[in-house]
Amino acid sequence: MAKIPTTVQTRQGALRGQVEEGIHVFRGVPFAQPPVGELRWRRPQPLEPWVGVKDASEFGPISVQPPRPAAGPFAGIMGHSEERTSEDCLYLNVWTPGLDDTQRPVMVWIHGGGLSSGSGSSPAYNGAPLAGRGDVVIVTISYRLGALGFLPDPVLAGEDGKEGNFGFHDMLAALRWVRDEVASFGGDPSNVTIFGESAGGIAVGILLASPLAEGLFQHAIMQSGAADRIHSRDSVGEMLPYFYSELGLEQPSPDQLRQLSVEEVLQAQSALASADPAINPAAGLHGPFNAVIEDDFIDAIPIDAVREGRGSGVDVLAGTMRNEFTLLSAMTGLTELNEERALELMAPLVGGSERAGECYELYGTLRSKRGEPTDPLAIYNAVMTDRQYRGSTRRMLDAREGATGGTYSYLVEQQSPMFKGRLGAPHALDVPLIWGTTELMRDFVGADPQVDQLSGFMMDAWANFARSGSPSTNALPGWPQYRSDRPYTMVFGPDVRTVTEEREEELALWR
């Protein structure tokens, strides 16, 4: 593939990228000062200008994170395993059809990975197909992860008394870069869409509710994640002693924390993340490191803030996969369960043993009526799909009642052929469909021509939503807006259609 040098001027200095098959690509573009040394556990600082032309042909390093397997059936699905990691990780990447004054819609991707892994430079997020097909500017970002991104200790407060949520402030810094610079890349800074999947979808919901993000984007897409997982000051107060115990510290000073090696931080983070919820109250679905309700970034549970009108003027598209949790079960080696073990796994995550029993019984009854599998693993996966994904997404959609921006819902039923189809429509299957990177993941998405046709439908819907605030296209005309009393939902799969949600009894458990 011929690569032709291309140059763009930004406020900080000139960047040299490459034109690849007609798309101008700039990789490893810094958007803030490296958060190292005295800047570790501080909000991102403005970037210093440079002299000359900075090379932007290679991806920058990604945030420090636990290693991921380079081989096996799941390699590549949840991220790339061979990227360089560093605390110096605040870089973004741009794909644009032209460096001109066309003012194209801008789509800013926030990657998933549980706020502890992943990057904006994974091959699955190659922006060229979507940028070219949709005539949009694609920006993917990386941000600080895990303890380095979300350690919420008041001892780390700056002179202004504010601390925590560092990874989210990285996202805000990247969005401010887009606001200030994207016009030079052929984009329209007044027409920005943020979109993300899994933890990235949760991040989109949190940014929707943050006063500091107001005006930085006009449209928001939440894929397999809304915004109900967030810590209170009390819950992180319970977590910090466990983290510091792993480090052999009691009440460390800022200097002590900033002198820790990356390896020490990562080891303690990994130990904490694997702790039993019965031992460490911060373990479980929330994860030990996440957004915290504090300071000026977020002042309430995001869904509650949205219900009160935060982000009302932003257009929202939100949805999930039909069988989200099957992938996560498979990745942890869970291939069968008995009822006792299923209830044991569910209890700490759904509100106790009695609640777990109610969920198990109701899901079993309703699935039996529909002729769906009712073995313990199938019920467990269905409960966890709704608890962790579909339920929170519906709550976010319902919270938008009365919003001035549009609200749209979708559900993906496309089946993965992996493991002889046992995954159904699992978590992350939508990623290659939306990015047009299906060729990279044929084992996961399948090789039938219908897969690529569906990918085209979804790419067009996402790009049109970014352009106009409506996901309707020529192939998907008249996509109705979601309403609490008429939960219209576009279903993507072999049979693309509009429905109203038919599983209200199950979803009512998570209201």
Protein backbone atom coordinates (compact mmCIF):
# COMPACT_ATOMS: atom_id res chain seq x y z
CA MET A 1 0.00 0.00 0.00
CA ALA A 2 1.54 3.29 -1.13
CA LYS A 3 1.87 5.84 1.67
CA ILE A 4 2.20 9.49 0.68
CA PRO A 5 3.39 12.03 3.28
CA THR A 6 0.84 14.67 4.29
CA THR A 7 1.27 17.62 6.65
CA VAL A 8 -1.15 19.63 8.78
CA GLN A 9 -0.59 22.68 10.97
CA THR A 10 -1.97 22.66 14.52
CA ARG A 11 -1.75 25.31 17.24
CA GLN A 12 1.15 23.46 18.86
CA GLY A 13 3.07 22.82 15.65
CA ALA A 14 3.13 20.92 12.37
CA LEU A 15 2.36 17.18 12.07
CA ARG A 16 3.44 14.86 9.29
CA GLY A 17 1.12 11.92 8.65
CA GLN A 18 0.40 9.69 5.69
CA VAL A 19 -2.23 9.35 2.97
CA GLU A 20 -3.29 5.71 2.84
CA GLU A 21 -5.70 4.71 0.07
CA GLY A 22 -7.12 8.22 -0.06
CA ILE A 23 -7.46 8.71 3.71
CA HIS A 24 -5.18 11.15 5.57
CA VAL A 25 -3.96 9.40 8.73
CA PHE A 26 -2.20 10.99 11.69
CA ARG A 27 -1.14 8.60 14.46
CA GLY A 28 0.32 9.25 17.88
CA VAL A 29 -0.79 12.89 18.08
CA PRO A 30 -0.13 14.26 21.60
CA PHE A 31 -3.03 16.15 23.19
CA ALA A 32 -1.58 16.90 26.66
CA GLN A 33 1.72 16.84 28.46
CA PRO A 34 2.93 13.34 29.47
CA PRO A 35 1.39 12.61 32.91
CA VAL A 36 4.66 11.43 34.45
CA GLY A 37 6.78 12.41 37.43
CA GLU A 38 5.15 15.31 39.26
CA LEU A 39 2.24 15.12 36.79
CA ARG A 40 1.32 11.56 37.78
CA TRP A 41 -2.13 11.61 39.38
CA ARG A 42 -2.80 15.16 38.29
CA ARG A 43 -5.24 16.51 35.73
CA PRO A 44 -3.75 16.62 32.23
CA GLN A 45 -1.75 19.76 31.53
CA PRO A 46 -1.83 21.77 28.28
CA LEU A 47 0.56 20.63 25.59
CA GLU A 48 3.71 22.67 24.98
CA PRO A 49 4.34 23.85 21.39
CA TRP A 50 7.14 22.25 19.41
CA VAL A 51 9.55 23.46 16.77
CA GLY A 52 9.68 21.86 13.33
CA VAL A 53 7.49 19.04 12.04
CA LYS A 54 6.51 16.21 14.42
CA ASP A 55 6.22 12.74 12.90
CA ALA A 56 2.69 11.32 13.20
CA SER A 57 3.08 8.13 11.22
CA GLU A 58 3.23 5.67 14.15
CA PHE A 59 0.87 5.05 17.05
CA GLY A 60 1.98 6.40 20.40
CA PRO A 61 2.38 4.21 23.48
CA ILE A 62 -0.80 3.18 25.27
CA SER A 63 -1.68 3.34 28.94
CA VAL A 64 0.00 0.97 31.38
CA GLN A 65 -2.17 -2.15 31.83
CA PRO A 66 -1.99 -5.87 32.59
CA PRO A 67 -0.70 -7.97 29.65
CA ARG A 68 -3.26 -9.67 27.44
CA PRO A 69 -2.80 -12.98 25.61
CA ALA A 70 -1.25 -12.64 22.15
CA ALA A 71 -2.84 -15.89 20.97
CA GLY A 72 -5.96 -17.95 21.55
CA PRO A 73 -9.60 -17.63 20.53
CA PHE A 74 -10.08 -14.22 22.18
CA ALA A 75 -6.91 -12.50 20.96
CA GLY A 76 -7.85 -9.26 19.25
CA ILE A 77 -11.48 -9.24 20.41
CA MET A 78 -10.88 -7.18 23.55
CA GLY A 79 -7.84 -5.25 22.32
CA HIS A 80 -4.36 -5.58 20.90
CA SER A 81 -1.63 -7.31 22.90
CA GLU A 82 1.57 -6.03 21.28
CA GLU A 83 1.31 -2.27 21.70
CA ARG A 84 3.92 -0.33 23.66
CA THR A 85 2.73 0.73 27.11
CA SER A 86 3.88 3.75 29.09
CA GLU A 87 2.70 6.32 31.58
CA ASP A 88 3.34 8.71 28.68
CA CYS A 89 0.12 7.69 26.91
CA LEU A 90 -1.97 10.76 26.11
CA TYR A 91 -2.12 10.40 22.34
CA LEU A 92 -4.90 10.32 19.77
CA ASN A 93 -5.23 9.25 16.14
CA VAL A 94 -7.06 10.91 13.25
CA TRP A 95 -8.45 9.54 9.98
CA THR A 96 -9.92 12.10 7.57
CA PRO A 97 -10.95 12.02 3.91
CA GLY A 98 -9.40 15.44 3.34
CA LEU A 99 -7.48 18.36 4.86
CA ASP A 100 -9.90 20.96 3.55
CA ASP A 101 -12.75 23.20 4.68
CA THR A 102 -15.52 20.64 4.08
CA GLN A 103 -16.44 20.64 7.81
CA ARG A 104 -17.26 16.96 8.08
CA PRO A 105 -18.97 15.42 11.12
CA VAL A 106 -16.42 14.34 13.75
CA MET A 107 -16.67 11.01 15.58
CA VAL A 108 -14.53 10.58 18.72
CA TRP A 109 -14.09 6.98 19.91
CA ILE A 110 -13.60 6.07 23.59
CA HIS A 111 -12.32 2.50 23.83
CA GLY A 112 -13.57 -0.15 26.22
CA GLY A 113 -11.68 -2.52 28.49
CA GLY A 114 -13.19 -2.01 31.93
CA LEU A 115 -11.26 1.25 32.41
CA SER A 116 -8.24 -0.98 33.04
CA SER A 117 -7.18 -2.17 29.57
CA GLY A 118 -7.47 -1.37 25.87
CA SER A 119 -6.36 1.51 23.68
CA GLY A 120 -7.45 3.80 20.88
CA SER A 121 -4.96 2.20 18.50
CA SER A 122 -6.26 -1.36 18.40
CA PRO A 123 -6.47 -2.73 14.82
CA ALA A 124 -10.20 -3.28 15.42
CA TYR A 125 -10.55 0.53 15.56
CA ASN A 126 -8.94 1.27 12.22
CA GLY A 127 -10.80 4.44 11.26
CA ALA A 128 -10.21 4.28 7.51
CA PRO A 129 -13.31 2.25 6.51
CA LEU A 130 -15.76 4.38 8.51
CA ALA A 131 -14.08 7.68 7.58
CA GLY A 132 -14.14 6.78 3.88
CA ARG A 133 -17.64 5.31 3.72
CA GLY A 134 -19.29 7.95 5.90
CA ASP A 135 -17.21 10.99 4.83
CA VAL A 136 -16.53 11.72 8.50
CA VAL A 137 -13.45 12.54 10.56
CA ILE A 138 -12.59 9.74 12.98
CA VAL A 139 -10.60 10.38 16.17
CA THR A 140 -9.60 7.57 18.57
CA ILE A 141 -8.09 8.41 21.93
CA SER A 142 -6.15 6.73 24.70
CA TYR A 143 -6.43 7.70 28.35
CA ARG A 144 -4.94 6.68 31.70
CA LEU A 145 -6.30 3.39 32.99
CA GLY A 146 -6.63 1.47 36.23
CA ALA A 147 -5.02 2.91 39.35
CA LEU A 148 -2.98 5.43 37.36
CA GLY A 149 -6.18 6.78 35.83
CA PHE A 150 -8.66 6.54 38.67
CA LEU A 151 -6.98 6.41 42.10
CA PRO A 152 -9.39 8.56 44.15
CA ASP A 153 -7.39 9.50 47.26
CA PRO A 154 -7.99 13.02 48.64
CA VAL A 155 -4.27 13.16 49.47
CA LEU A 156 -3.71 13.62 45.73
CA ALA A 157 -5.82 16.76 45.54
CA GLY A 158 -4.14 19.67 43.80
CA GLU A 159 -4.00 23.24 45.02
CA ASP A 160 -7.63 23.61 43.99
CA GLY A 161 -8.62 20.73 46.26
CA LYS A 162 -9.81 18.55 43.39
CA GLU A 163 -8.65 15.01 42.70
CA GLY A 164 -9.63 11.73 41.11
CA ASN A 165 -11.25 10.90 37.78
CA PHE A 166 -7.93 11.55 36.01
CA GLY A 167 -8.77 9.26 33.09
CA PHE A 168 -12.01 11.16 32.51
CA HIS A 169 -10.13 14.45 32.56
CA ASP A 170 -7.90 12.94 29.86
CA MET A 171 -11.03 12.38 27.76
CA LEU A 172 -12.06 15.99 28.34
CA ALA A 173 -8.59 17.18 27.29
CA ALA A 174 -8.88 15.13 24.08
CA LEU A 175 -12.31 16.64 23.38
CA ARG A 176 -10.93 20.14 23.91
CA TRP A 177 -8.15 19.28 21.43
CA VAL A 178 -10.85 18.24 18.94
CA ARG A 179 -12.71 21.50 19.53
CA ASP A 180 -9.58 23.56 18.91
CA GLU A 181 -7.85 21.58 16.15
CA VAL A 182 -10.22 19.41 14.15
CA ALA A 183 -11.12 22.12 11.63
CA SER A 184 -7.55 21.81 10.29
CA PHE A 185 -8.31 18.13 9.64
CA GLY A 186 -11.45 18.83 7.60
CA GLY A 187 -13.83 18.43 10.55
CA ASP A 188 -16.60 20.54 12.03
CA PRO A 189 -15.90 21.33 15.71
CA SER A 190 -19.57 22.23 16.19
CA ASN A 191 -20.73 18.74 15.09
CA VAL A 192 -18.96 16.21 17.30
CA THR A 193 -20.19 12.74 18.26
CA ILE A 194 -18.64 10.77 21.09
CA PHE A 195 -19.09 7.01 20.90
CA GLY A 196 -17.76 4.06 22.83
CA GLU A 197 -18.36 0.42 23.66
CA SER A 198 -18.45 -1.37 27.03
CA ALA A 199 -16.46 0.82 29.45
CA GLY A 200 -16.28 3.30 26.59
CA GLY A 201 -20.08 3.35 26.47
CA ILE A 202 -20.19 3.92 30.22
CA ALA A 203 -17.69 6.76 29.78
CA VAL A 204 -19.95 8.34 27.16
CA GLY A 205 -22.85 8.25 29.62
CA ILE A 206 -20.72 9.78 32.36
CA LEU A 207 -19.51 12.55 30.04
CA LEU A 208 -23.13 13.20 29.05
CA ALA A 209 -23.82 13.91 32.72
CA SER A 210 -20.67 15.95 33.45
CA PRO A 211 -20.98 19.74 33.60
CA LEU A 212 -17.37 20.02 32.38
CA ALA A 213 -18.22 18.29 29.09
CA GLU A 214 -21.08 20.60 28.19
CA GLY A 215 -20.72 21.93 24.65
CA LEU A 216 -17.85 19.62 23.70
CA PHE A 217 -20.13 17.25 21.74
CA GLN A 218 -23.57 17.32 20.17
CA HIS A 219 -24.32 13.59 19.75
CA ALA A 220 -23.52 10.55 21.91
CA ILE A 221 -23.58 6.80 21.19
CA MET A 222 -23.48 4.29 24.05
CA GLN A 223 -22.69 0.74 22.94
CA SER A 224 -23.09 -1.98 25.59
CA GLY A 225 -22.74 0.39 28.50
CA ALA A 226 -24.68 3.23 30.08
CA ALA A 227 -23.65 5.01 33.25
CA ASP A 228 -24.87 3.36 36.44
CA ARG A 229 -21.49 2.07 37.61
CA ILE A 230 -19.77 4.75 39.63
CA HIS A 231 -18.25 5.01 43.08
CA SER A 232 -19.29 7.16 46.00
CA ARG A 233 -16.73 8.66 48.35
CA ASP A 234 -17.73 6.03 50.92
CA SER A 235 -17.16 3.08 48.61
CA VAL A 236 -13.69 4.22 47.58
CA GLY A 237 -12.91 4.86 51.23
CA GLU A 238 -13.50 1.16 51.77
CA MET A 239 -11.28 0.25 48.83
CA LEU A 240 -8.17 2.38 49.46
CA PRO A 241 -6.86 0.45 52.50
CA TYR A 242 -6.85 -2.77 50.43
CA PHE A 243 -4.88 -1.09 47.65
CA TYR A 244 -2.34 0.42 50.00
CA SER A 245 -2.01 -2.85 51.91
CA GLU A 246 -0.94 -4.51 48.64
CA LEU A 247 1.71 -1.81 48.32
CA GLY A 248 2.90 -2.23 51.90
CA LEU A 249 1.79 1.30 52.77
CA GLU A 250 -0.62 2.67 55.35
CA GLN A 251 -1.43 6.32 54.66
CA PRO A 252 1.04 7.35 51.96
CA SER A 253 1.94 10.90 51.04
CA PRO A 254 1.69 12.20 47.47
CA ASP A 255 5.47 11.97 47.16
CA GLN A 256 5.45 8.32 48.25
CA LEU A 257 2.77 7.50 45.71
CA ARG A 258 4.51 9.32 42.86
CA GLN A 259 7.77 7.52 43.64
CA LEU A 260 6.18 4.07 43.24
CA SER A 261 7.32 2.13 40.20
CA VAL A 262 4.81 1.38 37.47
CA GLU A 263 5.31 -2.32 38.23
CA GLU A 264 4.36 -1.83 41.89
CA VAL A 265 1.20 0.08 40.98
CA LEU A 266 0.17 -2.48 38.38
CA GLN A 267 0.79 -5.43 40.70
CA ALA A 268 -1.35 -3.93 43.47
CA GLN A 269 -4.05 -3.00 40.95
CA SER A 270 -4.19 -6.55 39.59
CA ALA A 271 -4.39 -8.05 43.07
CA LEU A 272 -7.24 -5.74 43.99
CA ALA A 273 -9.16 -6.37 40.79
CA SER A 274 -9.14 -10.13 41.39
CA ALA A 275 -10.29 -9.88 45.00
CA ASP A 276 -13.48 -11.58 46.14
CA PRO A 277 -16.32 -9.05 46.73
CA ALA A 278 -16.83 -10.67 50.11
CA ILE A 279 -13.26 -9.65 51.02
CA ASN A 280 -13.02 -6.34 49.20
CA PRO A 281 -16.31 -4.42 48.90
CA ALA A 282 -14.95 -2.48 45.91
CA ALA A 283 -14.54 -5.62 43.80
CA GLY A 284 -17.32 -6.80 41.51
CA LEU A 285 -19.08 -5.11 38.63
CA HIS A 286 -18.05 -1.61 39.63
CA GLY A 287 -14.38 -2.53 39.55
CA PRO A 288 -11.97 -1.06 42.08
CA PHE A 289 -11.09 1.90 39.84
CA ASN A 290 -13.88 3.86 38.25
CA ALA A 291 -15.48 7.29 38.21
CA VAL A 292 -16.14 8.81 41.61
CA ILE A 293 -18.83 11.32 42.52
CA GLU A 294 -16.68 14.26 43.56
CA ASP A 295 -15.46 17.77 42.74
CA ASP A 296 -16.59 19.56 39.60
CA PHE A 297 -16.52 16.62 37.19
CA ILE A 298 -19.59 14.64 38.29
CA ASP A 299 -21.93 15.46 41.15
CA ALA A 300 -24.51 12.66 40.98
CA ILE A 301 -25.17 9.20 39.62
CA PRO A 302 -25.04 9.97 35.88
CA ILE A 303 -28.44 8.46 35.05
CA ASP A 304 -29.98 10.56 37.83
CA ALA A 305 -28.28 13.69 36.45
CA VAL A 306 -29.63 12.90 32.97
CA ARG A 307 -33.10 12.39 34.43
CA GLU A 308 -32.82 15.90 35.89
CA GLY A 309 -32.01 17.30 32.45
CA ARG A 310 -28.22 17.11 32.12
CA GLY A 311 -27.27 16.64 28.47
CA SER A 312 -30.87 17.19 27.38
CA GLY A 313 -29.94 18.85 24.09
CA VAL A 314 -27.54 16.08 23.04
CA ASP A 315 -28.86 13.45 20.62
CA VAL A 316 -28.41 9.94 22.06
CA LEU A 317 -28.24 6.48 20.46
CA ALA A 318 -27.87 3.57 22.89
CA GLY A 319 -28.12 -0.20 22.68
CA THR A 320 -26.71 -3.60 23.49
CA MET A 321 -26.10 -7.08 22.17
CA ARG A 322 -28.76 -9.71 22.79
CA ASN A 323 -26.38 -12.08 24.66
CA GLU A 324 -23.75 -9.74 26.09
CA PHE A 325 -22.48 -11.88 28.96
CA THR A 326 -21.79 -15.09 27.05
CA LEU A 327 -18.42 -13.73 25.90
CA LEU A 328 -17.34 -12.73 29.39
CA SER A 329 -18.34 -16.14 30.75
CA ALA A 330 -16.40 -17.89 27.99
CA MET A 331 -13.33 -15.71 28.54
CA THR A 332 -13.23 -16.75 32.21
CA GLY A 333 -13.47 -20.43 31.24
CA LEU A 334 -17.06 -20.82 32.42
CA THR A 335 -18.54 -23.57 30.24
CA GLU A 336 -21.13 -25.11 32.60
CA LEU A 337 -22.83 -24.39 35.91
CA ASN A 338 -25.16 -26.05 38.31
CA GLU A 339 -27.98 -24.06 39.87
CA GLU A 340 -26.25 -23.71 43.24
CA ARG A 341 -23.11 -22.22 41.70
CA ALA A 342 -25.11 -19.93 39.40
CA LEU A 343 -26.97 -18.49 42.41
CA GLU A 344 -23.71 -18.13 44.31
CA LEU A 345 -22.12 -16.13 41.47
CA MET A 346 -25.18 -13.95 41.01
CA ALA A 347 -25.87 -13.11 44.66
CA PRO A 348 -23.20 -10.44 45.34
CA LEU A 349 -23.94 -8.75 42.02
CA VAL A 350 -27.73 -8.59 42.06
CA GLY A 351 -28.41 -7.73 45.69
CA GLY A 352 -28.13 -10.89 47.76
CA SER A 353 -29.21 -14.54 47.79
CA GLU A 354 -32.95 -13.91 47.96
CA ARG A 355 -32.82 -11.53 45.01
CA ALA A 356 -30.67 -14.00 43.05
CA GLY A 357 -33.28 -16.69 43.62
CA GLU A 358 -36.08 -14.41 42.38
CA CYS A 359 -34.12 -13.58 39.23
CA TYR A 360 -33.27 -17.21 38.56
CA GLU A 361 -36.87 -18.35 38.91
CA LEU A 362 -38.39 -15.59 36.78
CA TYR A 363 -35.83 -15.90 33.98
CA GLY A 364 -36.21 -19.67 33.95
CA THR A 365 -39.99 -19.44 33.67
CA LEU A 366 -40.01 -16.80 30.93
CA ARG A 367 -37.24 -18.46 28.91
CA SER A 368 -39.09 -21.78 29.09
CA LYS A 369 -42.24 -20.13 27.69
CA ARG A 370 -40.23 -18.79 24.77
CA GLY A 371 -38.55 -22.13 24.11
CA GLU A 372 -35.09 -20.79 25.05
CA PRO A 373 -32.43 -22.77 26.96
CA THR A 374 -33.01 -22.93 30.70
CA ASP A 375 -29.85 -24.63 31.89
CA PRO A 376 -28.11 -22.76 34.77
CA LEU A 377 -25.39 -21.23 32.56
CA ALA A 378 -27.97 -19.89 30.09
CA ILE A 379 -30.02 -18.35 32.91
CA TYR A 380 -26.91 -16.90 34.54
CA ASN A 381 -25.76 -15.31 31.27
CA ALA A 382 -29.22 -13.88 30.60
CA VAL A 383 -29.52 -12.39 34.09
CA MET A 384 -26.05 -10.86 33.91
CA THR A 385 -26.66 -9.50 30.41
CA ASP A 386 -29.67 -7.58 31.67
CA ARG A 387 -28.13 -6.64 35.02
CA GLN A 388 -24.90 -5.31 33.58
CA TYR A 389 -25.92 -4.06 30.12
CA ARG A 390 -29.51 -4.01 28.90
CA GLY A 391 -31.06 -2.90 32.19
CA SER A 392 -28.79 0.09 32.66
CA THR A 393 -29.16 1.05 29.00
CA ARG A 394 -32.95 1.02 29.35
CA ARG A 395 -32.68 3.16 32.50
CA MET A 396 -30.56 5.67 30.60
CA LEU A 397 -33.03 5.73 27.71
CA ASP A 398 -35.95 6.15 30.12
CA ALA A 399 -34.09 8.97 31.90
CA ARG A 400 -34.10 10.90 28.62
CA GLU A 401 -37.89 11.37 28.77
CA GLY A 402 -38.52 15.01 27.92
CA ALA A 403 -35.04 15.62 26.48
CA THR A 404 -34.88 18.15 23.65
CA GLY A 405 -32.35 16.02 21.75
CA GLY A 406 -33.35 12.85 19.91
CA THR A 407 -33.23 9.46 21.66
CA TYR A 408 -32.81 6.19 19.76
CA SER A 409 -32.47 2.54 20.80
CA TYR A 410 -30.97 -0.51 19.09
CA LEU A 411 -30.37 -4.21 19.79
CA VAL A 412 -27.95 -6.49 17.94
CA GLU A 413 -29.05 -10.11 17.39
CA GLN A 414 -26.37 -11.10 14.87
CA GLN A 415 -24.99 -14.50 15.87
CA SER A 416 -21.30 -15.26 16.24
CA PRO A 417 -20.15 -18.57 14.75
CA MET A 418 -17.48 -18.94 17.46
CA PHE A 419 -17.75 -22.09 19.60
CA LYS A 420 -20.36 -23.54 17.22
CA GLY A 421 -22.70 -20.61 17.85
CA ARG A 422 -22.89 -21.03 21.63
CA LEU A 423 -22.17 -17.32 22.23
CA GLY A 424 -25.27 -16.11 20.40
CA ALA A 425 -24.95 -12.33 19.92
CA PRO A 426 -22.13 -11.63 22.38
CA HIS A 427 -20.39 -8.61 23.83
CA ALA A 428 -18.08 -6.79 21.36
CA LEU A 429 -19.53 -8.36 18.19
CA ASP A 430 -20.80 -4.92 17.20
CA VAL A 431 -17.28 -3.43 17.15
CA PRO A 432 -16.07 -4.91 13.83
CA LEU A 433 -19.54 -4.35 12.34
CA ILE A 434 -19.53 -0.64 13.12
CA TRP A 435 -15.88 -0.07 12.23
CA GLY A 436 -15.96 -2.12 9.03
CA THR A 437 -13.11 -4.28 10.30
CA THR A 438 -14.91 -7.62 9.91
CA GLU A 439 -12.04 -9.05 7.83
CA LEU A 440 -9.84 -8.96 10.94
CA MET A 441 -12.28 -11.05 13.01
CA ARG A 442 -13.85 -13.62 10.71
CA ASP A 443 -13.77 -16.35 13.38
CA PHE A 444 -15.79 -14.03 15.62
CA VAL A 445 -18.23 -12.40 13.19
CA GLY A 446 -18.45 -15.00 10.40
CA ALA A 447 -17.76 -14.96 6.67
CA ASP A 448 -21.31 -14.96 5.28
CA PRO A 449 -21.93 -12.01 2.87
CA GLN A 450 -24.84 -11.05 5.11
CA VAL A 451 -22.29 -10.03 7.79
CA ASP A 452 -20.71 -7.42 5.56
CA GLN A 453 -24.11 -6.19 4.39
CA LEU A 454 -25.15 -5.72 8.03
CA SER A 455 -21.85 -3.96 8.74
CA GLY A 456 -22.66 -1.50 5.95
CA PHE A 457 -26.12 -0.85 7.42
CA MET A 458 -24.63 -0.11 10.83
CA MET A 459 -21.75 2.01 9.54
CA ASP A 460 -24.21 4.15 7.58
CA ALA A 461 -26.54 4.52 10.57
CA TRP A 462 -23.70 5.58 12.88
CA ALA A 463 -22.29 8.05 10.35
CA ASN A 464 -25.72 9.53 9.61
CA PHE A 465 -26.40 9.91 13.32
CA ALA A 466 -23.11 11.80 13.59
CA ARG A 467 -24.11 13.97 10.64
CA SER A 468 -27.70 14.78 11.56
CA GLY A 469 -28.61 13.41 14.98
CA SER A 470 -30.83 10.75 13.37
CA PRO A 471 -29.66 7.19 12.55
CA SER A 472 -32.25 6.76 9.77
CA THR A 473 -30.81 5.93 6.34
CA ASN A 474 -32.17 4.88 2.95
CA ALA A 475 -31.82 1.26 4.07
CA LEU A 476 -33.29 2.00 7.53
CA PRO A 477 -35.98 4.62 6.88
CA GLY A 478 -38.19 5.99 9.60
CA TRP A 479 -36.22 4.76 12.63
CA PRO A 480 -38.62 6.01 15.35
CA GLN A 481 -37.41 7.69 18.51
CA TYR A 482 -37.47 5.74 21.78
CA ARG A 483 -40.18 6.56 24.31
CA SER A 484 -40.65 5.05 27.75
CA ASP A 485 -44.21 4.03 26.89
CA ARG A 486 -43.25 2.95 23.35
CA PRO A 487 -39.68 1.61 23.56
CA TYR A 488 -39.03 1.52 19.82
CA THR A 489 -35.83 -0.37 19.07
CA MET A 490 -34.00 -1.11 15.81
CA VAL A 491 -32.88 -4.75 15.72
CA PHE A 492 -29.72 -5.54 13.76
CA GLY A 493 -29.23 -9.12 12.58
CA PRO A 494 -30.27 -11.38 9.73
CA ASP A 495 -33.72 -9.80 10.11
CA VAL A 496 -33.33 -6.02 10.43
CA ARG A 497 -36.52 -4.56 11.85
CA THR A 498 -38.07 -2.13 14.31
CA VAL A 499 -39.73 -3.57 17.43
CA THR A 500 -40.92 -2.50 20.83
CA GLU A 501 -39.07 -4.29 23.61
CA GLU A 502 -40.73 -7.64 24.23
CA ARG A 503 -39.00 -8.68 27.47
CA GLU A 504 -40.49 -6.16 29.85
CA GLU A 505 -40.96 -8.62 32.72
CA GLU A 506 -37.26 -9.39 32.89
CA LEU A 507 -36.16 -5.81 32.36
CA ALA A 508 -38.58 -4.59 35.03
CA LEU A 509 -36.32 -6.29 37.57
CA TRP A 510 -33.60 -3.74 36.79
CA ARG A 511 -35.64 -0.55 36.86
